[in-house]
């Protein structure tokens, strides 16, 4: 899938420099950034969604003491 993005001049210059110095394409680095960054974004936004449910009382929470006890780690 082809996608178009606009980059800040400084970012584009950094990407051009990296590409020139390593012999890899800019597209290669953009794919790497997106693939690696997507995991972090998913983690962040899913965690934020859960925190909102906790704040609204829609998500059950457990104390560390009760978790330790349930797992038999209270020794």
PDB file of N, CA and C in Angstrom:
ATOM      1  N   UNK A   1       0.847  -1.171   0.000  1.00  0.00           N
ATOM      2  CA  UNK A   1       0.000   0.000   0.000  1.00  0.00           C
ATOM      3  C   UNK A   1       0.893   1.236   0.000  1.00  0.00           C
ATOM      4  N   UNK A   2       0.676   2.085  -0.927  1.00  0.00           N
ATOM      5  CA  UNK A   2       1.440   3.323  -0.995  1.00  0.00           C
ATOM      6  C   UNK A   2       0.788   4.372  -0.104  1.00  0.00           C
ATOM      7  N   UNK A   3       1.620   5.073   0.653  1.00  0.00           N
ATOM      8  CA  UNK A   3       1.147   6.121   1.554  1.00  0.00           C
ATOM      9  C   UNK A   3       2.072   7.314   1.418  1.00  0.00           C
ATOM     10  N   UNK A   4       1.509   8.489   1.541  1.00  0.00           N
ATOM     11  CA  UNK A   4       2.303   9.706   1.425  1.00  0.00           C
ATOM     12  C   UNK A   4       2.275  10.452   2.753  1.00  0.00           C
ATOM     13  N   UNK A   5       3.446  10.945   3.187  1.00  0.00           N
ATOM     14  CA  UNK A   5       3.508  11.742   4.408  1.00  0.00           C
ATOM     15  C   UNK A   5       4.376  12.968   4.168  1.00  0.00           C
ATOM     16  N   UNK A   6       4.136  13.991   4.949  1.00  0.00           N
ATOM     17  CA  UNK A   6       4.977  15.182   4.910  1.00  0.00           C
ATOM     18  C   UNK A   6       5.864  15.152   6.143  1.00  0.00           C
ATOM     19  N   UNK A   7       7.145  15.381   5.935  1.00  0.00           N
ATOM     20  CA  UNK A   7       8.089  15.397   7.040  1.00  0.00           C
ATOM     21  C   UNK A   7       8.621  16.805   7.233  1.00  0.00           C
ATOM     22  N   UNK A   8       8.955  17.134   8.469  1.00  0.00           N
ATOM     23  CA  UNK A   8       9.640  18.399   8.742  1.00  0.00           C
ATOM     24  C   UNK A   8      10.975  18.362   8.005  1.00  0.00           C
ATOM     25  N   UNK A   9      11.453  19.509   7.591  1.00  0.00           N
ATOM     26  CA  UNK A   9      12.695  19.596   6.828  1.00  0.00           C
ATOM     27  C   UNK A   9      13.848  18.918   7.553  1.00  0.00           C
ATOM     28  N   UNK A  10      13.991  19.173   8.837  1.00  0.00           N
ATOM     29  CA  UNK A  10      15.084  18.582   9.608  1.00  0.00           C
ATOM     30  C   UNK A  10      14.972  17.055   9.632  1.00  0.00           C
ATOM     31  N   UNK A  11      13.762  16.542   9.796  1.00  0.00           N
ATOM     32  CA  UNK A  11      13.557  15.098   9.815  1.00  0.00           C
ATOM     33  C   UNK A  11      13.912  14.486   8.467  1.00  0.00           C
ATOM     34  N   UNK A  12      13.490  15.125   7.410  1.00  0.00           N
ATOM     35  CA  UNK A  12      13.806  14.617   6.072  1.00  0.00           C
ATOM     36  C   UNK A  12      15.311  14.640   5.817  1.00  0.00           C
ATOM     37  N   UNK A  13      15.990  15.685   6.273  1.00  0.00           N
ATOM     38  CA  UNK A  13      17.439  15.760   6.114  1.00  0.00           C
ATOM     39  C   UNK A  13      18.136  14.639   6.885  1.00  0.00           C
ATOM     40  N   UNK A  14      17.673  14.370   8.082  1.00  0.00           N
ATOM     41  CA  UNK A  14      18.250  13.279   8.877  1.00  0.00           C
ATOM     42  C   UNK A  14      18.039  11.938   8.189  1.00  0.00           C
ATOM     43  N   UNK A  15      16.847  11.739   7.652  1.00  0.00           N
ATOM     44  CA  UNK A  15      16.534  10.504   6.945  1.00  0.00           C
ATOM     45  C   UNK A  15      17.385  10.371   5.684  1.00  0.00           C
ATOM     46  N   UNK A  16      17.538  11.466   4.944  1.00  0.00           N
ATOM     47  CA  UNK A  16      18.398  11.466   3.749  1.00  0.00           C
ATOM     48  C   UNK A  16      19.834  11.110   4.120  1.00  0.00           C
ATOM     49  N   UNK A  17      20.324  11.703   5.196  1.00  0.00           N
ATOM     50  CA  UNK A  17      21.692  11.457   5.631  1.00  0.00           C
ATOM     51  C   UNK A  17      21.890  10.000   6.026  1.00  0.00           C
ATOM     52  N   UNK A  18      20.975   9.462   6.804  1.00  0.00           N
ATOM     53  CA  UNK A  18      21.065   8.068   7.218  1.00  0.00           C
ATOM     54  C   UNK A  18      21.047   7.149   6.007  1.00  0.00           C
ATOM     55  N   UNK A  19      20.158   7.429   5.096  1.00  0.00           N
ATOM     56  CA  UNK A  19      20.034   6.626   3.891  1.00  0.00           C
ATOM     57  C   UNK A  19      21.325   6.660   3.069  1.00  0.00           C
ATOM     58  N   UNK A  20      21.876   7.835   2.903  1.00  0.00           N
ATOM     59  CA  UNK A  20      23.120   7.982   2.133  1.00  0.00           C
ATOM     60  C   UNK A  20      24.283   7.267   2.803  1.00  0.00           C
ATOM     61  N   UNK A  21      24.395   7.405   4.106  1.00  0.00           N
ATOM     62  CA  UNK A  21      25.530   6.822   4.834  1.00  0.00           C
ATOM     63  C   UNK A  21      25.472   5.301   4.899  1.00  0.00           C
ATOM     64  N   UNK A  22      24.266   4.733   4.866  1.00  0.00           N
ATOM     65  CA  UNK A  22      24.138   3.285   5.031  1.00  0.00           C
ATOM     66  C   UNK A  22      23.842   2.539   3.737  1.00  0.00           C
ATOM     67  N   UNK A  23      23.448   3.269   2.712  1.00  0.00           N
ATOM     68  CA  UNK A  23      23.127   2.623   1.443  1.00  0.00           C
ATOM     69  C   UNK A  23      21.752   1.976   1.407  1.00  0.00           C
ATOM     70  N   UNK A  24      20.952   2.227   2.413  1.00  0.00           N
ATOM     71  CA  UNK A  24      19.576   1.715   2.424  1.00  0.00           C
ATOM     72  C   UNK A  24      18.635   2.820   1.966  1.00  0.00           C
ATOM     73  N   UNK A  25      17.461   2.433   1.521  1.00  0.00           N
ATOM     74  CA  UNK A  25      16.506   3.422   1.034  1.00  0.00           C
ATOM     75  C   UNK A  25      15.800   4.119   2.187  1.00  0.00           C
ATOM     76  N   UNK A  26      15.281   5.282   1.909  1.00  0.00           N
ATOM     77  CA  UNK A  26      14.472   5.990   2.905  1.00  0.00           C
ATOM     78  C   UNK A  26      13.230   5.164   3.231  1.00  0.00           C
ATOM     79  N   UNK A  27      12.672   4.510   2.229  1.00  0.00           N
ATOM     80  CA  UNK A  27      11.478   3.677   2.443  1.00  0.00           C
ATOM     81  C   UNK A  27      11.770   2.563   3.446  1.00  0.00           C
ATOM     82  N   UNK A  28      12.972   1.995   3.385  1.00  0.00           N
ATOM     83  CA  UNK A  28      13.354   0.949   4.337  1.00  0.00           C
ATOM     84  C   UNK A  28      13.271   1.491   5.762  1.00  0.00           C
ATOM     85  N   UNK A  29      13.865   2.647   5.992  1.00  0.00           N
ATOM     86  CA  UNK A  29      13.871   3.207   7.350  1.00  0.00           C
ATOM     87  C   UNK A  29      12.482   3.636   7.789  1.00  0.00           C
ATOM     88  N   UNK A  30      11.688   4.168   6.891  1.00  0.00           N
ATOM     89  CA  UNK A  30      10.325   4.542   7.251  1.00  0.00           C
ATOM     90  C   UNK A  30       9.509   3.309   7.637  1.00  0.00           C
ATOM     91  N   UNK A  31       9.677   2.201   6.914  1.00  0.00           N
ATOM     92  CA  UNK A  31       8.989   0.960   7.290  1.00  0.00           C
ATOM     93  C   UNK A  31       9.438   0.495   8.662  1.00  0.00           C
ATOM     94  N   UNK A  32      10.751   0.553   8.930  1.00  0.00           N
ATOM     95  CA  UNK A  32      11.267   0.139  10.231  1.00  0.00           C
ATOM     96  C   UNK A  32      10.676   0.990  11.353  1.00  0.00           C
ATOM     97  N   UNK A  33      10.651   2.280  11.151  1.00  0.00           N
ATOM     98  CA  UNK A  33      10.116   3.197  12.158  1.00  0.00           C
ATOM     99  C   UNK A  33       8.648   2.896  12.423  1.00  0.00           C
ATOM    100  N   UNK A  34       7.884   2.702  11.369  1.00  0.00           N
ATOM    101  CA  UNK A  34       6.451   2.448  11.529  1.00  0.00           C
ATOM    102  C   UNK A  34       6.212   1.101  12.200  1.00  0.00           C
ATOM    103  N   UNK A  35       6.896   0.056  11.731  1.00  0.00           N
ATOM    104  CA  UNK A  35       6.680  -1.270  12.307  1.00  0.00           C
ATOM    105  C   UNK A  35       7.074  -1.318  13.775  1.00  0.00           C
ATOM    106  N   UNK A  36       8.202  -0.716  14.127  1.00  0.00           N
ATOM    107  CA  UNK A  36       8.644  -0.728  15.523  1.00  0.00           C
ATOM    108  C   UNK A  36       7.817   0.219  16.376  1.00  0.00           C
ATOM    109  N   UNK A  37       7.498   1.363  15.847  1.00  0.00           N
ATOM    110  CA  UNK A  37       6.739   2.343  16.600  1.00  0.00           C
ATOM    111  C   UNK A  37       5.286   1.962  16.805  1.00  0.00           C
ATOM    112  N   UNK A  38       4.741   1.181  15.889  1.00  0.00           N
ATOM    113  CA  UNK A  38       3.344   0.786  16.001  1.00  0.00           C
ATOM    114  C   UNK A  38       3.103  -0.051  17.256  1.00  0.00           C
ATOM    115  N   UNK A  39       4.033  -0.924  17.590  1.00  0.00           N
ATOM    116  CA  UNK A  39       3.908  -1.710  18.827  1.00  0.00           C
ATOM    117  C   UNK A  39       3.804  -0.794  20.040  1.00  0.00           C
ATOM    118  N   UNK A  40       4.664   0.216  20.085  1.00  0.00           N
ATOM    119  CA  UNK A  40       4.649   1.144  21.219  1.00  0.00           C
ATOM    120  C   UNK A  40       3.359   1.954  21.268  1.00  0.00           C
ATOM    121  N   UNK A  41       2.886   2.413  20.112  1.00  0.00           N
ATOM    122  CA  UNK A  41       1.641   3.175  20.069  1.00  0.00           C
ATOM    123  C   UNK A  41       0.453   2.323  20.501  1.00  0.00           C
ATOM    124  N   UNK A  42       0.408   1.083  20.035  1.00  0.00           N
ATOM    125  CA  UNK A  42      -0.685   0.195  20.452  1.00  0.00           C
ATOM    126  C   UNK A  42      -0.658  -0.006  21.958  1.00  0.00           C
ATOM    127  N   UNK A  43       0.508  -0.278  22.515  1.00  0.00           N
ATOM    128  CA  UNK A  43       0.620  -0.458  23.958  1.00  0.00           C
ATOM    129  C   UNK A  43       0.127   0.768  24.711  1.00  0.00           C
ATOM    130  N   UNK A  44       0.568   1.947  24.273  1.00  0.00           N
ATOM    131  CA  UNK A  44       0.202   3.188  24.950  1.00  0.00           C
ATOM    132  C   UNK A  44      -1.311   3.422  24.904  1.00  0.00           C
ATOM    133  N   UNK A  45      -1.885   3.370  23.710  1.00  0.00           N
ATOM    134  CA  UNK A  45      -3.298   3.697  23.576  1.00  0.00           C
ATOM    135  C   UNK A  45      -4.205   2.646  24.199  1.00  0.00           C
ATOM    136  N   UNK A  46      -3.816   1.375  24.144  1.00  0.00           N
ATOM    137  CA  UNK A  46      -4.614   0.346  24.808  1.00  0.00           C
ATOM    138  C   UNK A  46      -4.546   0.499  26.326  1.00  0.00           C
ATOM    139  N   UNK A  47      -3.365   0.845  26.846  1.00  0.00           N
ATOM    140  CA  UNK A  47      -3.226   1.077  28.286  1.00  0.00           C
ATOM    141  C   UNK A  47      -4.049   2.298  28.710  1.00  0.00           C
ATOM    142  N   UNK A  48      -4.029   3.350  27.904  1.00  0.00           N
ATOM    143  CA  UNK A  48      -4.812   4.556  28.219  1.00  0.00           C
ATOM    144  C   UNK A  48      -6.305   4.235  28.233  1.00  0.00           C
ATOM    145  N   UNK A  49      -6.724   3.376  27.311  1.00  0.00           N
ATOM    146  CA  UNK A  49      -8.130   2.965  27.258  1.00  0.00           C
ATOM    147  C   UNK A  49      -8.517   2.201  28.528  1.00  0.00           C
ATOM    148  N   UNK A  50      -7.659   1.317  28.965  1.00  0.00           N
ATOM    149  CA  UNK A  50      -7.931   0.549  30.184  1.00  0.00           C
ATOM    150  C   UNK A  50      -7.947   1.473  31.404  1.00  0.00           C
ATOM    151  N   UNK A  51      -7.009   2.409  31.461  1.00  0.00           N
ATOM    152  CA  UNK A  51      -6.989   3.355  32.593  1.00  0.00           C
ATOM    153  C   UNK A  51      -8.275   4.167  32.650  1.00  0.00           C
ATOM    154  N   UNK A  52      -8.806   4.546  31.522  1.00  0.00           N
ATOM    155  CA  UNK A  52     -10.068   5.288  31.495  1.00  0.00           C
ATOM    156  C   UNK A  52     -11.198   4.417  32.046  1.00  0.00           C
ATOM    157  N   UNK A  53     -11.206   3.139  31.685  1.00  0.00           N
ATOM    158  CA  UNK A  53     -12.220   2.227  32.225  1.00  0.00           C
ATOM    159  C   UNK A  53     -12.057   2.060  33.726  1.00  0.00           C
ATOM    160  N   UNK A  54     -10.811   2.019  34.209  1.00  0.00           N
ATOM    161  CA  UNK A  54     -10.565   1.930  35.654  1.00  0.00           C
ATOM    162  C   UNK A  54     -11.120   3.171  36.340  1.00  0.00           C
ATOM    163  N   UNK A  55     -10.825   4.348  35.783  1.00  0.00           N
ATOM    164  CA  UNK A  55     -11.309   5.604  36.383  1.00  0.00           C
ATOM    165  C   UNK A  55     -12.836   5.646  36.452  1.00  0.00           C
ATOM    166  N   UNK A  56     -13.498   5.064  35.445  1.00  0.00           N
ATOM    167  CA  UNK A  56     -14.962   5.055  35.396  1.00  0.00           C
ATOM    168  C   UNK A  56     -15.558   3.925  36.237  1.00  0.00           C
ATOM    169  N   UNK A  57     -14.699   3.068  36.817  1.00  0.00           N
ATOM    170  CA  UNK A  57     -15.180   1.952  37.609  1.00  0.00           C
ATOM    171  C   UNK A  57     -15.677   0.792  36.764  1.00  0.00           C
ATOM    172  N   UNK A  58     -15.300   0.772  35.494  1.00  0.00           N
ATOM    173  CA  UNK A  58     -15.747  -0.282  34.580  1.00  0.00           C
ATOM    174  C   UNK A  58     -14.757  -1.442  34.486  1.00  0.00           C
ATOM    175  N   UNK A  59     -13.620  -1.310  35.129  1.00  0.00           N
ATOM    176  CA  UNK A  59     -12.565  -2.340  35.062  1.00  0.00           C
ATOM    177  C   UNK A  59     -12.219  -2.742  36.478  1.00  0.00           C
ATOM    178  N   UNK A  60     -12.213  -4.035  36.743  1.00  0.00           N
ATOM    179  CA  UNK A  60     -11.895  -4.516  38.087  1.00  0.00           C
ATOM    180  C   UNK A  60     -10.390  -4.395  38.324  1.00  0.00           C
ATOM    181  N   UNK A  61     -10.021  -3.964  39.526  1.00  0.00           N
ATOM    182  CA  UNK A  61      -8.609  -3.847  39.893  1.00  0.00           C
ATOM    183  C   UNK A  61      -8.348  -4.709  41.126  1.00  0.00           C
ATOM    184  N   UNK A  62      -7.094  -5.107  41.272  1.00  0.00           N
ATOM    185  CA  UNK A  62      -6.690  -5.970  42.373  1.00  0.00           C
ATOM    186  C   UNK A  62      -5.484  -5.347  43.063  1.00  0.00           C
ATOM    187  N   UNK A  63      -5.427  -5.482  44.368  1.00  0.00           N
ATOM    188  CA  UNK A  63      -4.266  -4.996  45.100  1.00  0.00           C
ATOM    189  C   UNK A  63      -3.131  -5.991  44.929  1.00  0.00           C
ATOM    190  N   UNK A  64      -1.913  -5.510  45.086  1.00  0.00           N
ATOM    191  CA  UNK A  64      -0.767  -6.423  44.974  1.00  0.00           C
ATOM    192  C   UNK A  64      -0.817  -7.484  46.079  1.00  0.00           C
ATOM    193  N   UNK A  65      -1.321  -7.113  47.247  1.00  0.00           N
ATOM    194  CA  UNK A  65      -1.425  -8.071  48.355  1.00  0.00           C
ATOM    195  C   UNK A  65      -2.376  -9.203  47.993  1.00  0.00           C
ATOM    196  N   UNK A  66      -3.521  -8.878  47.394  1.00  0.00           N
ATOM    197  CA  UNK A  66      -4.467  -9.943  47.045  1.00  0.00           C
ATOM    198  C   UNK A  66      -3.926 -10.823  45.925  1.00  0.00           C
ATOM    199  N   UNK A  67      -3.195 -10.248  44.993  1.00  0.00           N
ATOM    200  CA  UNK A  67      -2.595 -11.032  43.907  1.00  0.00           C
ATOM    201  C   UNK A  67      -1.534 -11.981  44.472  1.00  0.00           C
ATOM    202  N   UNK A  68      -0.681 -11.453  45.364  1.00  0.00           N
ATOM    203  CA  UNK A  68       0.346 -12.305  45.988  1.00  0.00           C
ATOM    204  C   UNK A  68      -0.300 -13.458  46.753  1.00  0.00           C
ATOM    205  N   UNK A  69      -1.365 -13.150  47.486  1.00  0.00           N
ATOM    206  CA  UNK A  69      -2.041 -14.179  48.258  1.00  0.00           C
ATOM    207  C   UNK A  69      -2.659 -15.225  47.339  1.00  0.00           C
ATOM    208  N   UNK A  70      -3.365 -14.792  46.283  1.00  0.00           N
ATOM    209  CA  UNK A  70      -3.996 -15.714  45.341  1.00  0.00           C
ATOM    210  C   UNK A  70      -2.987 -16.603  44.626  1.00  0.00           C
ATOM    211  N   UNK A  71      -1.787 -16.089  44.407  1.00  0.00           N
ATOM    212  CA  UNK A  71      -0.742 -16.849  43.722  1.00  0.00           C
ATOM    213  C   UNK A  71       0.140 -17.643  44.687  1.00  0.00           C
ATOM    214  N   UNK A  72      -0.144 -17.538  45.969  1.00  0.00           N
ATOM    215  CA  UNK A  72       0.631 -18.268  46.973  1.00  0.00           C
ATOM    216  C   UNK A  72       2.039 -17.700  47.160  1.00  0.00           C
ATOM    217  N   UNK A  73       2.190 -16.415  46.984  1.00  0.00           N
ATOM    218  CA  UNK A  73       3.509 -15.773  47.103  1.00  0.00           C
ATOM    219  C   UNK A  73       3.672 -15.022  48.411  1.00  0.00           C
ATOM    220  N   UNK A  74       2.766 -15.222  49.330  1.00  0.00           N
ATOM    221  CA  UNK A  74       2.799 -14.481  50.593  1.00  0.00           C
ATOM    222  C   UNK A  74       3.692 -15.123  51.650  1.00  0.00           C
ATOM    223  N   UNK A  75       4.568 -15.984  51.254  1.00  0.00           N
ATOM    224  CA  UNK A  75       5.422 -16.696  52.229  1.00  0.00           C
ATOM    225  C   UNK A  75       6.519 -15.837  52.750  1.00  0.00           C
TER     226      UNK A  75
END
